[in-house]
Amino acid sequence: MLTTNTISAPERTRILSPDELDFFTRNGFIHIKHFVDRATVQTFLREIQRVEANWLAEDVDKINGTPLKFGRDENGDRIVQRFAFTSLFSPILSDFLADDRIQGLTQLLAPYEGRISPEEKDGLVVNHYVRTPESNFSRMGWHTDSPRDLFLGQRIRPMLNVGLHLDDCPKENGGLRVLPGTHKQNTLMTIFRKKQFIDHRPDPREVGFDIEAGDLTIHNGSLWHRVEQSPYIGAASRRRVMYIPIITGDYQFKNAASKTPFYHRFAKRIQD
């Protein structure tokens, strides 16, 4: 059985090694341990909480055409469950996206020219998941990120799904599952290998991750993946992840006048 390629990276400044690049090319994912230290994680969490408090106080429900998603935490307090364009509201998070180690990850899209895109698609996304007895959406079925381009009337473009994890999340607490190598399939299989978002069944070939706060996971946007439900209720189920969009193609900046993309309305119907 394939296991995750975990890389210990405290104080790491170098770009991925040839062996690491080869692993990613073959399998479509990689797991970098301790990409940032726990003190930095706490700094990021404070910034996210500050942005959230401002948005809740101002009744913000959409950023640059992208709807925010709301829910309740284990105490019944209203929270933002999915943030969008978060770095545009935080100099600290904006500086993080400019970090040489983050910028260096664009090499994973070679030979295409990749870029960090804080003002495109949904920008820097933050997901805050906590399972409560009232939760309607506690897992995400198998899917690829590629259909988003099709919904926008474009051909499928190479992209990366890069997640900085802000909580400890061992495999037994649910979380990300991937199907290694499926990023190399043809377009038909990229769309129809499984029922997008609807199929939640474990796959014998899937790989899970033992996550610690500060770890980075990267996978190709065409790789089949899902999010397993936490078996716990309340604080023990909490998973917070910052998603760094690294994309290719023409620049498509968004602003306050941007329309809500169709794929957000489609996703809402799947989740309701």
Protein backbone atom coordinates (compact mmCIF):
# COMPACT_ATOMS: atom_id res chain seq x y z
CA MET A 1 0.00 0.00 0.00
CA LEU A 2 1.31 3.46 -0.90
CA THR A 3 1.97 5.71 2.07
CA THR A 4 2.26 9.48 2.07
CA ASN A 5 5.60 11.03 1.30
CA THR A 6 6.16 13.09 4.44
CA ILE A 7 8.96 15.64 4.48
CA SER A 8 10.30 17.15 7.68
CA ALA A 9 10.75 20.85 7.00
CA PRO A 10 11.45 22.96 10.12
CA GLU A 11 13.25 26.14 9.07
CA ARG A 12 13.16 24.81 5.52
CA THR A 13 14.07 27.29 2.79
CA ARG A 14 15.01 25.09 -0.17
CA ILE A 15 12.66 24.19 -3.01
CA LEU A 16 11.54 20.56 -3.33
CA SER A 17 14.28 18.04 -4.11
CA PRO A 18 14.32 15.97 -7.34
CA ASP A 19 13.08 12.90 -5.40
CA GLU A 20 10.20 14.89 -3.92
CA LEU A 21 9.31 16.30 -7.32
CA ASP A 22 9.36 12.78 -8.76
CA PHE A 23 7.03 11.52 -6.02
CA PHE A 24 4.60 14.34 -6.72
CA THR A 25 4.73 13.79 -10.47
CA ARG A 26 3.96 10.08 -10.08
CA ASN A 27 1.35 10.26 -7.33
CA GLY A 28 -0.15 13.75 -7.58
CA PHE A 29 0.30 14.71 -3.91
CA ILE A 30 2.91 15.38 -1.23
CA HIS A 31 2.85 16.04 2.54
CA ILE A 32 5.37 18.47 4.06
CA LYS A 33 5.69 18.28 7.83
CA HIS A 34 6.15 21.38 10.00
CA PHE A 35 6.08 23.83 7.10
CA VAL A 36 5.47 26.54 9.70
CA ASP A 37 5.97 26.30 13.46
CA ARG A 38 3.17 26.31 16.02
CA ALA A 39 3.81 29.92 17.04
CA THR A 40 3.20 30.97 13.44
CA VAL A 41 0.04 28.85 13.35
CA GLN A 42 -1.27 30.76 16.37
CA THR A 43 -0.45 34.08 14.68
CA PHE A 44 -2.44 33.00 11.62
CA LEU A 45 -5.38 31.87 13.75
CA ARG A 46 -5.51 35.23 15.53
CA GLU A 47 -5.55 37.01 12.16
CA ILE A 48 -8.34 34.77 10.87
CA GLN A 49 -10.37 35.35 14.02
CA ARG A 50 -9.89 39.10 13.66
CA VAL A 51 -11.11 39.05 10.05
CA GLU A 52 -14.04 36.83 11.05
CA ALA A 53 -15.08 39.17 13.88
CA ASN A 54 -15.09 42.14 11.48
CA TRP A 55 -17.14 40.30 8.86
CA LEU A 56 -19.70 39.08 11.40
CA ALA A 57 -20.02 42.56 12.92
CA GLU A 58 -20.50 44.12 9.48
CA ASP A 59 -22.86 41.37 8.17
CA VAL A 60 -20.55 40.62 5.25
CA ASP A 61 -21.87 37.64 3.29
CA LYS A 62 -19.91 37.80 0.03
CA ILE A 63 -16.41 38.82 -1.04
CA ASN A 64 -15.72 39.66 -4.70
CA GLY A 65 -18.71 37.60 -5.81
CA THR A 66 -17.83 34.57 -3.67
CA PRO A 67 -20.37 33.74 -0.94
CA LEU A 68 -19.09 33.16 2.58
CA LYS A 69 -20.44 30.10 4.38
CA PHE A 70 -21.62 30.29 7.96
CA GLY A 71 -22.43 27.85 10.74
CA ARG A 72 -22.29 27.32 14.49
CA ASP A 73 -19.41 26.10 16.63
CA GLU A 74 -19.59 23.71 19.57
CA ASN A 75 -20.82 26.56 21.80
CA GLY A 76 -23.60 27.58 19.42
CA ASP A 77 -21.79 30.76 18.36
CA ARG A 78 -22.04 31.85 14.72
CA ILE A 79 -18.82 31.34 12.78
CA VAL A 80 -17.58 31.73 9.24
CA GLN A 81 -17.06 28.20 7.92
CA ARG A 82 -15.59 29.17 4.56
CA PHE A 83 -13.65 32.39 4.08
CA ALA A 84 -12.66 33.78 0.67
CA PHE A 85 -9.94 36.23 -0.38
CA THR A 86 -8.79 36.24 3.25
CA SER A 87 -5.30 37.59 2.59
CA LEU A 88 -6.78 40.80 1.13
CA PHE A 89 -7.90 41.65 4.68
CA SER A 90 -4.68 40.70 6.50
CA PRO A 91 -1.15 42.02 5.87
CA ILE A 92 0.23 39.04 7.81
CA LEU A 93 -1.48 36.49 5.57
CA SER A 94 -0.60 38.53 2.49
CA ASP A 95 3.07 38.44 3.49
CA PHE A 96 2.83 34.66 3.93
CA LEU A 97 1.71 34.25 0.32
CA ALA A 98 4.81 36.18 -0.75
CA ASP A 99 7.10 33.79 1.18
CA ASP A 100 9.80 32.37 -1.12
CA ARG A 101 8.88 28.81 -0.08
CA ILE A 102 5.26 29.36 -1.13
CA GLN A 103 6.27 31.05 -4.37
CA GLY A 104 8.65 28.17 -5.09
CA LEU A 105 5.78 25.68 -5.13
CA THR A 106 4.75 26.97 -8.55
CA GLN A 107 7.45 24.64 -9.95
CA LEU A 108 5.01 21.78 -9.36
CA LEU A 109 2.98 23.03 -12.32
CA ALA A 110 5.92 22.94 -14.75
CA PRO A 111 6.09 23.16 -17.73
CA TYR A 112 3.13 25.51 -17.20
CA GLU A 113 3.79 28.90 -15.63
CA GLY A 114 2.03 28.92 -12.26
CA ARG A 115 1.34 31.81 -9.93
CA ILE A 116 -0.06 32.57 -6.49
CA SER A 117 -3.45 34.19 -7.05
CA PRO A 118 -4.82 36.11 -4.02
CA GLU A 119 -7.23 38.11 -6.23
CA GLU A 120 -8.37 35.33 -8.59
CA LYS A 121 -10.89 32.48 -8.23
CA ASP A 122 -11.63 32.53 -4.45
CA GLY A 123 -8.22 33.82 -3.35
CA LEU A 124 -6.87 32.54 -0.03
CA VAL A 125 -9.64 30.30 1.29
CA VAL A 126 -9.93 29.34 4.96
CA ASN A 127 -12.15 26.43 5.99
CA HIS A 128 -13.27 26.03 9.60
CA TYR A 129 -14.98 22.72 10.25
CA VAL A 130 -16.42 21.64 13.58
CA ARG A 131 -19.01 18.89 13.82
CA THR A 132 -22.06 19.52 16.00
CA PRO A 133 -25.28 17.55 16.46
CA GLU A 134 -26.96 20.04 14.09
CA SER A 135 -24.35 19.75 11.32
CA ASN A 136 -25.84 19.10 7.88
CA PHE A 137 -22.53 19.06 6.02
CA SER A 138 -19.88 17.05 7.88
CA ARG A 139 -18.00 15.41 5.00
CA MET A 140 -17.27 15.92 1.31
CA GLY A 141 -17.59 13.15 -1.26
CA TRP A 142 -15.08 12.16 -3.91
CA HIS A 143 -14.40 14.92 -6.42
CA THR A 144 -11.78 16.67 -8.50
CA ASP A 145 -11.33 20.43 -8.72
CA SER A 146 -11.29 20.38 -12.52
CA PRO A 147 -15.06 20.76 -13.23
CA ARG A 148 -14.87 24.31 -11.89
CA ASP A 149 -13.13 25.34 -15.11
CA LEU A 150 -15.81 23.60 -17.18
CA PHE A 151 -18.55 25.47 -15.31
CA LEU A 152 -16.77 28.69 -16.26
CA GLY A 153 -16.76 27.67 -19.93
CA GLN A 154 -13.02 27.01 -20.01
CA ARG A 155 -10.87 24.00 -20.73
CA ILE A 156 -9.41 22.23 -17.70
CA ARG A 157 -6.31 24.09 -16.58
CA PRO A 158 -3.53 22.72 -14.35
CA MET A 159 -3.83 23.88 -10.73
CA LEU A 160 -2.68 22.91 -7.25
CA ASN A 161 -4.67 22.46 -4.06
CA VAL A 162 -2.30 23.59 -1.30
CA GLY A 163 -3.51 23.37 2.29
CA LEU A 164 -1.76 24.72 5.38
CA HIS A 165 -3.27 22.88 8.33
CA LEU A 166 -3.91 24.85 11.52
CA ASP A 167 -5.03 21.96 13.78
CA ASP A 168 -3.74 18.51 14.58
CA CYS A 169 -5.77 15.96 12.64
CA PRO A 170 -4.65 12.31 12.71
CA LYS A 171 -6.21 9.98 10.15
CA GLU A 172 -8.69 8.64 12.71
CA ASN A 173 -10.18 12.14 13.00
CA GLY A 174 -11.21 12.11 9.34
CA GLY A 175 -9.87 14.70 6.93
CA LEU A 176 -8.27 14.50 3.50
CA ARG A 177 -8.18 11.27 1.48
CA VAL A 178 -6.62 11.02 -1.99
CA LEU A 179 -6.43 8.45 -4.80
CA PRO A 180 -2.76 8.41 -5.89
CA GLY A 181 -2.02 8.71 -9.58
CA THR A 182 -5.54 9.67 -10.68
CA HIS A 183 -4.30 13.09 -11.81
CA LYS A 184 -2.92 11.33 -14.91
CA GLN A 185 -6.28 9.99 -16.10
CA ASN A 186 -8.05 11.25 -19.21
CA THR A 187 -10.67 14.00 -19.09
CA LEU A 188 -13.57 11.54 -19.11
CA MET A 189 -12.26 9.78 -15.99
CA THR A 190 -11.42 13.11 -14.36
CA ILE A 191 -15.11 13.99 -14.54
CA PHE A 192 -16.87 10.63 -14.28
CA ARG A 193 -14.60 8.16 -12.44
CA LYS A 194 -16.90 8.58 -9.42
CA LYS A 195 -20.08 10.56 -8.74
CA GLN A 196 -18.69 13.99 -7.99
CA PHE A 197 -19.39 15.02 -4.35
CA ILE A 198 -22.09 12.34 -3.95
CA ASP A 199 -19.93 9.21 -3.56
CA HIS A 200 -18.59 9.03 0.02
CA ARG A 201 -17.50 5.40 0.00
CA PRO A 202 -13.92 4.61 1.11
CA ASP A 203 -11.70 3.31 -1.67
CA PRO A 204 -9.18 0.51 -0.93
CA ARG A 205 -6.52 2.51 -2.82
CA GLU A 206 -7.05 5.77 -0.92
CA VAL A 207 -4.35 7.39 1.21
CA GLY A 208 -5.02 9.42 4.36
CA PHE A 209 -2.77 11.75 6.34
CA ASP A 210 -1.58 12.13 9.93
CA ILE A 211 -1.68 15.91 10.14
CA GLU A 212 -0.06 18.18 12.70
CA ALA A 213 -0.72 21.91 12.95
CA GLY A 214 1.74 23.63 10.61
CA ASP A 215 1.85 20.82 8.03
CA LEU A 216 1.35 21.50 4.34
CA THR A 217 -0.43 19.14 1.95
CA ILE A 218 -0.33 19.62 -1.81
CA HIS A 219 -2.25 17.77 -4.46
CA ASN A 220 -2.90 18.18 -8.15
CA GLY A 221 -6.32 19.69 -8.90
CA SER A 222 -7.21 16.73 -11.12
CA LEU A 223 -6.49 14.18 -8.38
CA TRP A 224 -9.60 12.48 -6.96
CA HIS A 225 -9.97 13.32 -3.27
CA ARG A 226 -12.56 13.48 -0.51
CA VAL A 227 -12.91 14.66 3.08
CA GLU A 228 -13.80 11.99 5.63
CA GLN A 229 -16.21 12.79 8.44
CA SER A 230 -14.82 13.16 11.94
CA PRO A 231 -16.12 10.52 14.37
CA TYR A 232 -16.14 13.15 17.11
CA ILE A 233 -18.60 15.87 18.08
CA GLY A 234 -17.50 19.31 19.25
CA ALA A 235 -14.00 20.73 19.70
CA ALA A 236 -12.29 17.36 19.10
CA SER A 237 -13.58 17.42 15.51
CA ARG A 238 -12.19 20.86 14.66
CA ARG A 239 -10.22 21.21 11.42
CA ARG A 240 -9.04 24.59 10.16
CA VAL A 241 -7.14 24.80 6.88
CA MET A 242 -5.85 27.68 4.74
CA TYR A 243 -5.96 26.90 1.01
CA ILE A 244 -3.39 28.66 -1.15
CA PRO A 245 -4.48 28.84 -4.79
CA ILE A 246 -1.68 28.19 -7.27
CA ILE A 247 -3.05 28.35 -10.79
CA THR A 248 -2.20 28.83 -14.47
CA GLY A 249 -3.85 30.50 -17.45
CA ASP A 250 -5.04 34.02 -18.17
CA TYR A 251 -5.36 36.47 -15.31
CA GLN A 252 -8.96 36.83 -14.13
CA PHE A 253 -8.94 39.25 -11.23
CA LYS A 254 -12.11 39.66 -9.18
CA ASN A 255 -13.55 42.67 -7.43
CA ALA A 256 -16.70 43.71 -5.60
CA ALA A 257 -18.65 43.78 -8.88
CA SER A 258 -17.78 40.19 -9.83
CA LYS A 259 -20.65 37.77 -10.33
CA THR A 260 -21.07 34.61 -8.26
CA PRO A 261 -19.66 31.67 -10.28
CA PHE A 262 -22.08 28.86 -11.11
CA TYR A 263 -20.01 26.24 -9.29
CA HIS A 264 -20.77 27.93 -5.95
CA ARG A 265 -24.51 27.61 -6.57
CA PHE A 266 -24.01 23.99 -7.64
CA ALA A 267 -22.00 23.21 -4.50
CA LYS A 268 -24.69 24.75 -2.31
CA ARG A 269 -27.30 22.40 -3.79
CA ILE A 270 -25.03 19.42 -3.11
CA GLN A 271 -24.54 20.47 0.54
CA ASP A 272 -28.11 21.48 1.43
